[in-house]
N, C-alpha and C. Protein backbone atom coordinates (compact mmCIF):
# COMPACT_ATOMS: atom_id res chain seq x y z
N MET A 1 -13.60 8.42 4.46
CA MET A 1 -13.35 8.09 5.68
C MET A 1 -12.44 7.24 5.64
N ILE A 2 -10.90 7.20 6.36
CA ILE A 2 -9.81 6.47 6.27
C ILE A 2 -10.07 5.99 7.88
N ARG A 3 -9.94 4.27 7.89
CA ARG A 3 -9.83 3.79 9.12
C ARG A 3 -8.83 2.47 9.22
N ALA A 4 -8.45 1.95 10.32
CA ALA A 4 -8.02 0.85 10.41
C ALA A 4 -8.61 -0.06 9.71
N ALA A 5 -7.59 -0.94 9.08
CA ALA A 5 -8.67 -2.50 8.51
C ALA A 5 -8.37 -3.62 9.36
N THR A 6 -9.73 -4.14 9.38
CA THR A 6 -9.88 -5.59 10.27
C THR A 6 -9.94 -6.65 9.51
N LEU A 7 -9.90 -7.48 10.07
CA LEU A 7 -10.15 -9.04 9.20
C LEU A 7 -11.69 -8.97 8.70
N ASP A 8 -12.29 -8.37 9.08
CA ASP A 8 -13.89 -8.51 8.12
C ASP A 8 -13.40 -7.83 6.89
N ASP A 9 -12.12 -6.89 6.60
CA ASP A 9 -12.22 -6.12 5.56
C ASP A 9 -11.38 -6.65 4.53
N VAL A 10 -10.94 -7.99 5.01
CA VAL A 10 -9.98 -9.16 4.09
C VAL A 10 -10.70 -8.88 2.69
N GLY A 11 -11.66 -9.78 2.39
CA GLY A 11 -12.21 -9.69 1.34
C GLY A 11 -12.31 -8.65 0.41
N ALA A 12 -12.75 -7.68 0.70
CA ALA A 12 -12.67 -6.67 -0.10
C ALA A 12 -11.16 -5.75 -0.32
N ILE A 13 -10.42 -6.03 0.54
CA ILE A 13 -9.00 -5.72 0.23
C ILE A 13 -8.17 -6.44 -0.94
N VAL A 14 -8.53 -7.68 -0.40
CA VAL A 14 -7.72 -8.92 -1.54
C VAL A 14 -8.47 -8.41 -2.93
N ASP A 15 -10.07 -7.96 -3.14
CA ASP A 15 -10.53 -7.64 -4.12
C ASP A 15 -9.80 -6.61 -5.02
N MET A 16 -9.62 -5.67 -4.10
CA MET A 16 -8.92 -4.07 -4.92
C MET A 16 -7.14 -4.91 -4.88
N ALA A 17 -6.90 -5.47 -4.15
CA ALA A 17 -5.39 -5.98 -4.51
C ALA A 17 -5.42 -6.61 -6.04
N ARG A 18 -6.38 -7.60 -6.25
CA ARG A 18 -6.47 -8.20 -7.56
C ARG A 18 -6.20 -7.26 -8.64
N LYS A 19 -7.40 -6.01 -8.54
CA LYS A 19 -7.12 -4.97 -9.55
C LYS A 19 -5.58 -4.29 -9.49
N PHE A 20 -4.95 -4.19 -8.15
CA PHE A 20 -3.61 -3.20 -8.39
C PHE A 20 -2.87 -4.38 -9.21
N TYR A 21 -3.04 -5.75 -8.74
CA TYR A 21 -1.93 -6.55 -9.23
C TYR A 21 -1.90 -6.68 -10.65
N ALA A 22 -3.15 -6.45 -11.31
CA ALA A 22 -3.29 -6.29 -12.54
C ALA A 22 -2.86 -5.27 -13.44
N THR A 23 -2.11 -4.04 -12.61
CA THR A 23 -1.63 -3.61 -13.43
C THR A 23 -0.25 -3.24 -13.49
N THR A 24 0.24 -4.36 -12.62
CA THR A 24 1.74 -4.54 -12.39
C THR A 24 2.35 -5.24 -13.70
N ASP A 25 3.85 -5.36 -13.68
CA ASP A 25 4.64 -5.75 -14.65
C ASP A 25 4.35 -7.38 -13.84
N TYR A 26 4.53 -7.68 -12.58
CA TYR A 26 4.34 -8.71 -11.80
C TYR A 26 3.32 -9.80 -12.73
N ALA A 27 2.30 -9.06 -12.82
CA ALA A 27 1.06 -10.02 -13.34
C ALA A 27 1.58 -10.72 -14.25
N ASN A 28 2.64 -10.22 -15.68
CA ASN A 28 3.10 -10.77 -16.46
C ASN A 28 3.95 -12.11 -16.31
N PHE A 29 4.37 -12.10 -15.28
CA PHE A 29 5.29 -13.45 -15.00
C PHE A 29 4.56 -14.72 -13.97
N ALA A 30 3.59 -13.92 -13.19
CA ALA A 30 3.25 -15.09 -12.48
C ALA A 30 1.70 -14.46 -11.90
N PRO A 31 0.81 -15.37 -11.89
CA PRO A 31 -0.53 -15.18 -11.68
C PRO A 31 -1.00 -15.03 -10.37
N PHE A 32 -1.96 -14.04 -9.88
CA PHE A 32 -2.62 -13.41 -9.17
C PHE A 32 -3.00 -14.87 -8.05
N ASP A 33 -2.42 -15.01 -6.96
CA ASP A 33 -2.75 -16.61 -6.18
C ASP A 33 -3.66 -15.32 -4.74
N GLU A 34 -4.90 -15.73 -5.02
CA GLU A 34 -5.78 -15.46 -3.82
C GLU A 34 -5.82 -15.88 -2.65
N THR A 35 -5.36 -16.64 -2.42
CA THR A 35 -5.19 -17.57 -1.37
C THR A 35 -3.79 -16.84 -0.39
N ALA A 36 -2.94 -16.73 -1.30
CA ALA A 36 -1.71 -16.18 -0.98
C ALA A 36 -2.07 -14.63 -0.28
N MET A 37 -2.63 -14.13 -1.43
CA MET A 37 -2.87 -12.72 -1.20
C MET A 37 -3.95 -12.32 0.42
N THR A 38 -4.46 -13.32 0.24
CA THR A 38 -5.36 -13.46 1.55
C THR A 38 -4.65 -13.41 2.99
N HIS A 39 -3.82 -14.35 2.71
CA HIS A 39 -3.08 -14.37 4.02
C HIS A 39 -1.93 -13.30 4.16
N LEU A 40 -1.78 -12.59 3.24
CA LEU A 40 -1.02 -11.73 3.20
C LEU A 40 -1.26 -10.40 3.90
N VAL A 41 -2.70 -10.05 3.42
CA VAL A 41 -3.47 -8.91 3.68
C VAL A 41 -4.45 -9.69 5.36
N ALA A 42 -4.18 -10.27 5.26
CA ALA A 42 -4.70 -11.10 7.27
C ALA A 42 -3.74 -10.40 7.79
N GLY A 43 -2.41 -10.89 7.63
CA GLY A 43 -1.25 -10.81 8.35
C GLY A 43 -0.97 -9.03 8.33
N LEU A 44 -1.14 -8.07 7.62
CA LEU A 44 -1.12 -6.79 7.54
C LEU A 44 -1.90 -6.22 8.59
N VAL A 45 -3.17 -6.71 8.90
CA VAL A 45 -3.98 -6.40 9.47
C VAL A 45 -3.19 -5.93 11.12
N ASP A 46 -2.08 -6.66 11.25
CA ASP A 46 -1.13 -6.45 12.50
C ASP A 46 -0.20 -5.57 12.13
N HIS A 47 0.06 -4.80 10.93
CA HIS A 47 0.97 -4.14 10.66
C HIS A 47 0.63 -2.74 10.37
N VAL A 48 0.36 -2.28 9.23
CA VAL A 48 -0.21 -0.98 8.97
C VAL A 48 -1.23 -1.52 7.76
N LEU A 49 -2.89 -1.78 7.89
CA LEU A 49 -3.60 -1.74 6.76
C LEU A 49 -4.52 -0.86 6.92
N LEU A 50 -5.00 0.12 5.93
CA LEU A 50 -5.97 0.98 6.13
C LEU A 50 -7.11 0.92 4.84
N ILE A 51 -8.21 1.43 5.04
CA ILE A 51 -9.21 1.23 4.32
C ILE A 51 -9.71 2.60 3.91
N ALA A 52 -10.49 2.95 2.68
CA ALA A 52 -10.78 4.38 2.70
C ALA A 52 -12.40 3.66 2.24
N GLU A 53 -13.04 4.29 3.01
CA GLU A 53 -14.92 4.49 2.46
C GLU A 53 -15.38 5.49 2.11
N GLN A 54 -16.48 5.13 1.25
CA GLN A 54 -17.50 6.28 0.92
C GLN A 54 -18.98 5.65 0.83
N ASP A 55 -19.58 6.40 1.51
CA ASP A 55 -21.06 5.88 1.63
C ASP A 55 -20.85 4.53 2.03
N GLY A 56 -19.88 4.24 3.09
CA GLY A 56 -19.77 2.73 3.70
C GLY A 56 -19.39 1.73 2.91
N GLN A 57 -18.96 2.50 1.46
CA GLN A 57 -18.37 1.37 0.47
C GLN A 57 -16.91 1.60 0.44
N PRO A 58 -15.92 0.19 0.65
CA PRO A 58 -14.67 0.63 0.38
C PRO A 58 -14.24 0.79 -0.97
N VAL A 59 -13.18 1.46 -1.05
CA VAL A 59 -13.14 2.14 -2.35
C VAL A 59 -11.51 2.87 -2.53
N GLY A 60 -10.36 2.22 -1.36
CA GLY A 60 -9.52 2.36 -1.74
C GLY A 60 -8.65 1.83 -0.15
N MET A 61 -7.46 1.65 -0.19
CA MET A 61 -6.60 0.72 0.56
C MET A 61 -4.94 0.72 0.59
N VAL A 62 -4.67 0.99 1.73
CA VAL A 62 -2.97 0.92 1.53
C VAL A 62 -2.56 -0.11 2.78
N GLY A 63 -1.19 -0.80 2.13
CA GLY A 63 -0.76 -2.03 3.22
C GLY A 63 0.38 -1.71 3.43
N LEU A 64 1.28 -1.84 4.72
CA LEU A 64 2.78 -1.70 4.62
C LEU A 64 3.08 -2.37 5.53
N MET A 65 4.47 -3.00 5.54
CA MET A 65 4.91 -3.87 6.40
C MET A 65 5.73 -3.58 7.40
N VAL A 66 5.62 -3.87 8.55
CA VAL A 66 6.59 -3.02 9.61
C VAL A 66 7.77 -3.85 10.11
N SER A 67 8.78 -3.83 10.01
CA SER A 67 10.26 -4.66 10.16
C SER A 67 11.19 -3.47 10.70
N PRO A 68 12.02 -4.25 11.22
CA PRO A 68 13.19 -3.91 11.38
C PRO A 68 14.14 -3.05 10.57
N PHE A 69 14.70 -1.98 10.13
CA PHE A 69 15.38 -1.50 8.90
C PHE A 69 16.82 -2.49 8.61
N LEU A 70 16.78 -3.18 7.79
CA LEU A 70 17.91 -4.09 7.50
C LEU A 70 19.57 -3.64 7.62
N PHE A 71 19.62 -2.45 7.62
CA PHE A 71 20.90 -1.85 7.50
C PHE A 71 21.03 -1.21 8.93
N SER A 72 19.96 -1.18 9.68
CA SER A 72 20.01 -0.55 11.29
C SER A 72 18.88 -0.99 11.86
N PRO A 73 18.97 -2.37 12.41
CA PRO A 73 17.90 -3.00 13.18
C PRO A 73 17.19 -2.11 14.30
N SER A 74 18.11 -1.03 14.86
CA SER A 74 17.11 -0.32 15.59
C SER A 74 16.04 0.46 15.56
N GLN A 75 16.03 0.76 14.22
CA GLN A 75 15.32 1.62 13.68
C GLN A 75 13.66 0.77 12.81
N THR A 76 12.88 0.83 13.30
CA THR A 76 11.71 0.34 12.43
C THR A 76 11.13 1.09 11.40
N PHE A 77 11.08 0.31 10.03
CA PHE A 77 10.75 0.77 9.25
C PHE A 77 9.33 0.00 8.64
N ALA A 78 8.41 0.80 7.80
CA ALA A 78 7.42 0.34 6.96
C ALA A 78 7.33 0.56 5.66
N THR A 79 7.21 -0.55 5.10
CA THR A 79 7.31 -0.65 3.41
C THR A 79 6.07 -0.66 2.94
N GLU A 80 5.63 0.13 1.79
CA GLU A 80 4.47 -0.46 1.46
C GLU A 80 4.39 -1.57 0.63
N ILE A 81 3.34 -2.27 0.82
CA ILE A 81 3.07 -3.45 -0.04
C ILE A 81 2.09 -3.64 -1.17
N VAL A 82 1.22 -2.57 -0.75
CA VAL A 82 -0.11 -2.68 -1.98
C VAL A 82 -0.69 -1.07 -1.46
N TRP A 83 -0.96 -0.42 -2.50
CA TRP A 83 -1.96 0.97 -2.29
C TRP A 83 -2.69 0.96 -3.62
N TRP A 84 -4.18 1.02 -3.40
CA TRP A 84 -5.01 1.33 -4.62
C TRP A 84 -6.28 1.88 -4.22
N VAL A 85 -6.35 2.74 -5.28
CA VAL A 85 -7.91 3.46 -4.95
C VAL A 85 -8.37 3.44 -6.48
N GLU A 86 -9.80 3.13 -6.15
CA GLU A 86 -10.86 2.62 -7.11
C GLU A 86 -11.06 3.77 -8.03
N GLU A 87 -10.68 3.21 -9.34
CA GLU A 87 -11.25 4.59 -10.28
C GLU A 87 -12.20 5.23 -10.33
N SER A 88 -13.08 5.02 -9.43
CA SER A 88 -14.65 6.05 -9.44
C SER A 88 -14.11 6.81 -8.38
N ALA A 89 -13.04 6.70 -7.48
CA ALA A 89 -13.01 7.56 -6.24
C ALA A 89 -11.48 8.34 -6.61
N ARG A 90 -10.75 8.20 -7.78
CA ARG A 90 -9.65 8.68 -7.88
C ARG A 90 -9.39 10.19 -7.86
N SER A 91 -10.35 10.86 -8.43
CA SER A 91 -10.58 12.23 -8.38
C SER A 91 -11.24 12.87 -7.13
N ASN A 92 -11.47 12.06 -6.02
CA ASN A 92 -11.93 13.00 -4.75
C ASN A 92 -11.02 13.07 -3.60
N GLY A 93 -9.69 12.78 -3.95
CA GLY A 93 -8.67 12.79 -3.03
C GLY A 93 -8.82 11.97 -1.98
N VAL A 94 -9.19 11.15 -2.61
CA VAL A 94 -8.94 9.48 -1.19
C VAL A 94 -7.81 9.13 -1.57
N GLY A 95 -6.82 9.12 -2.48
CA GLY A 95 -5.23 8.17 -2.53
C GLY A 95 -4.20 9.29 -1.60
N ILE A 96 -4.83 10.88 -1.43
CA ILE A 96 -3.75 11.60 -0.96
C ILE A 96 -4.22 11.64 0.74
N GLU A 97 -5.71 11.01 1.01
CA GLU A 97 -6.18 11.11 2.43
C GLU A 97 -5.61 9.68 2.50
N LEU A 98 -5.46 8.55 2.01
CA LEU A 98 -4.84 7.01 2.72
C LEU A 98 -3.23 7.63 2.91
N LEU A 99 -2.61 8.19 2.07
CA LEU A 99 -1.18 8.51 2.26
C LEU A 99 -1.14 9.43 3.36
N ARG A 100 -1.71 10.37 3.74
CA ARG A 100 -1.76 11.03 4.65
C ARG A 100 -2.05 10.47 6.40
N ALA A 101 -2.93 9.52 6.01
CA ALA A 101 -3.30 8.59 7.15
C ALA A 101 -1.91 7.65 7.31
N VAL A 102 -1.11 7.26 6.27
CA VAL A 102 -0.33 6.36 6.63
C VAL A 102 1.13 6.63 7.65
N GLU A 103 1.60 7.97 7.73
CA GLU A 103 2.61 8.65 8.61
C GLU A 103 1.88 8.42 10.04
N PRO A 104 0.46 8.74 10.58
CA PRO A 104 0.46 8.62 12.07
C PRO A 104 0.24 7.41 12.37
N ALA A 105 -0.47 6.04 11.32
CA ALA A 105 -0.48 4.98 11.49
C ALA A 105 0.99 4.21 11.68
N CYS A 106 1.64 4.59 11.08
CA CYS A 106 3.30 4.19 11.06
C CYS A 106 3.71 4.72 12.18
N LYS A 107 3.41 5.47 12.88
CA LYS A 107 4.53 6.43 13.89
C LYS A 107 3.96 5.49 14.98
N GLN A 108 2.17 5.40 15.03
CA GLN A 108 1.81 4.17 16.20
C GLN A 108 2.12 3.15 16.09
N LYS A 109 2.82 2.26 15.36
CA LYS A 109 3.76 1.28 15.45
C LYS A 109 5.00 1.27 15.58
N GLY A 110 5.71 2.34 16.05
CA GLY A 110 7.05 2.81 16.04
C GLY A 110 7.66 3.01 15.10
N CYS A 111 7.23 3.18 13.99
CA CYS A 111 8.27 3.16 12.60
C CYS A 111 8.98 4.55 12.80
N THR A 112 10.27 4.87 12.55
CA THR A 112 10.77 5.77 12.18
C THR A 112 11.09 6.27 10.88
N SER A 113 10.71 5.58 9.75
CA SER A 113 10.59 5.95 8.38
C SER A 113 10.04 5.22 7.76
N ILE A 114 9.47 5.55 6.59
CA ILE A 114 8.62 4.91 5.72
C ILE A 114 9.11 4.56 4.09
N GLN A 115 8.64 3.52 3.58
CA GLN A 115 8.95 3.39 2.08
C GLN A 115 7.73 3.29 1.53
N MET A 116 7.52 4.15 0.68
CA MET A 116 6.37 4.01 -0.66
C MET A 116 6.92 3.53 -2.02
N MET A 117 6.53 2.53 -2.58
CA MET A 117 7.03 2.24 -3.94
C MET A 117 6.53 3.07 -5.22
N HIS A 118 7.01 2.97 -5.98
CA HIS A 118 6.52 3.55 -7.12
C HIS A 118 6.78 2.79 -8.31
N LEU A 119 6.21 1.96 -8.89
CA LEU A 119 6.30 0.67 -10.06
C LEU A 119 6.01 1.55 -11.43
N ALA A 120 7.46 1.07 -12.31
CA ALA A 120 7.31 1.46 -13.69
C ALA A 120 5.58 1.83 -14.37
N THR A 121 4.82 0.76 -13.80
CA THR A 121 3.63 1.17 -14.48
C THR A 121 2.82 2.18 -13.16
N SER A 122 3.50 2.51 -12.25
CA SER A 122 2.50 3.20 -11.58
C SER A 122 1.97 4.69 -12.06
N PRO A 123 1.01 5.42 -11.80
CA PRO A 123 0.70 6.80 -12.24
C PRO A 123 1.87 7.55 -12.19
N LYS A 124 1.99 8.20 -12.96
CA LYS A 124 2.95 9.44 -12.74
C LYS A 124 2.43 10.40 -11.38
N GLN A 125 1.41 10.79 -11.40
CA GLN A 125 1.21 11.52 -10.29
C GLN A 125 1.35 10.49 -8.80
N ALA A 126 1.59 9.79 -8.90
CA ALA A 126 1.68 8.58 -7.83
C ALA A 126 2.87 9.11 -7.12
N GLY A 127 4.29 9.33 -7.63
CA GLY A 127 5.40 9.83 -7.69
C GLY A 127 5.30 11.27 -7.30
N LEU A 128 4.56 12.22 -7.92
CA LEU A 128 4.31 13.90 -7.88
C LEU A 128 3.81 13.73 -5.94
N LEU A 129 3.11 12.79 -5.76
CA LEU A 129 1.88 12.97 -4.61
C LEU A 129 2.94 12.85 -3.60
N TYR A 130 3.95 11.44 -3.80
CA TYR A 130 4.83 11.48 -2.47
C TYR A 130 5.86 12.62 -2.39
N GLN A 131 6.36 13.12 -3.56
CA GLN A 131 6.95 14.39 -3.37
C GLN A 131 6.29 15.35 -2.85
N ARG A 132 5.39 15.87 -2.95
CA ARG A 132 4.38 16.76 -2.31
C ARG A 132 4.07 16.56 -0.49
N LEU A 133 4.12 15.14 -0.36
CA LEU A 133 3.74 14.80 1.06
C LEU A 133 4.92 14.52 1.98
N GLY A 134 6.70 15.01 1.40
CA GLY A 134 7.45 15.13 1.92
C GLY A 134 8.61 14.03 1.69
N TYR A 135 8.16 12.75 0.83
CA TYR A 135 9.06 11.59 0.73
C TYR A 135 10.28 11.98 -0.69
N ARG A 136 11.08 11.46 -0.86
CA ARG A 136 12.04 11.59 -1.85
C ARG A 136 12.46 10.54 -2.07
N HIS A 137 12.80 10.59 -3.14
CA HIS A 137 13.24 9.44 -4.24
C HIS A 137 14.53 8.67 -3.72
N SER A 138 14.81 7.39 -3.29
CA SER A 138 15.78 7.34 -2.65
C SER A 138 16.16 5.90 -3.20
N GLU A 139 15.21 5.00 -4.45
CA GLU A 139 15.90 3.86 -4.96
C GLU A 139 15.37 3.62 -6.28
N THR A 140 15.86 2.91 -7.05
CA THR A 140 15.15 2.44 -8.22
C THR A 140 15.31 1.19 -8.43
N SER A 141 14.61 0.03 -8.90
CA SER A 141 14.79 -1.61 -9.03
C SER A 141 14.61 -1.74 -10.02
N TYR A 142 15.24 -2.85 -10.32
CA TYR A 142 15.24 -3.42 -11.92
C TYR A 142 14.82 -5.05 -11.39
N PHE A 143 13.94 -5.24 -12.47
CA PHE A 143 13.41 -7.04 -12.39
C PHE A 143 13.31 -7.65 -13.71
N LYS A 144 13.80 -9.06 -13.44
CA LYS A 144 14.17 -9.86 -14.56
C LYS A 144 13.43 -10.87 -13.98
N VAL A 145 13.01 -11.45 -15.06
CA VAL A 145 12.34 -13.51 -15.11
C VAL A 145 13.68 -14.01 -15.70
N ILE A 146 14.07 -15.02 -14.97
CA ILE A 146 15.08 -16.04 -15.35
C ILE A 146 14.62 -17.16 -15.16
């Protein structure tokens, strides 16, 4: 079951975000800050924050920030901040259910476009899944610690 997250879900989402963060290159230069993540997740409740449950337990989540598009502020844009599915639920279709729920949730917030991220450490199948759902590759970024 996919549903909009509430403030009651913040703890579970922060726990999943900690697992997500550990898989990123960002974890190599900055430690996970639980206080900052708690504030971020609580703020995403007012944007787009979805949680997946199986047997009443959280098994996945996705959070997107809604804002005006930088190059055309008349357009409302949603940018993925975090997307995670617990390993135990990855072969059960939870990831695709979350992604399918993103579009209607973003439309409800007035978004005209969505940007999902694919990190260098993301599983290859994530990018393929984006493409299957109609997303197209639009940008690659590079990161350097200075």
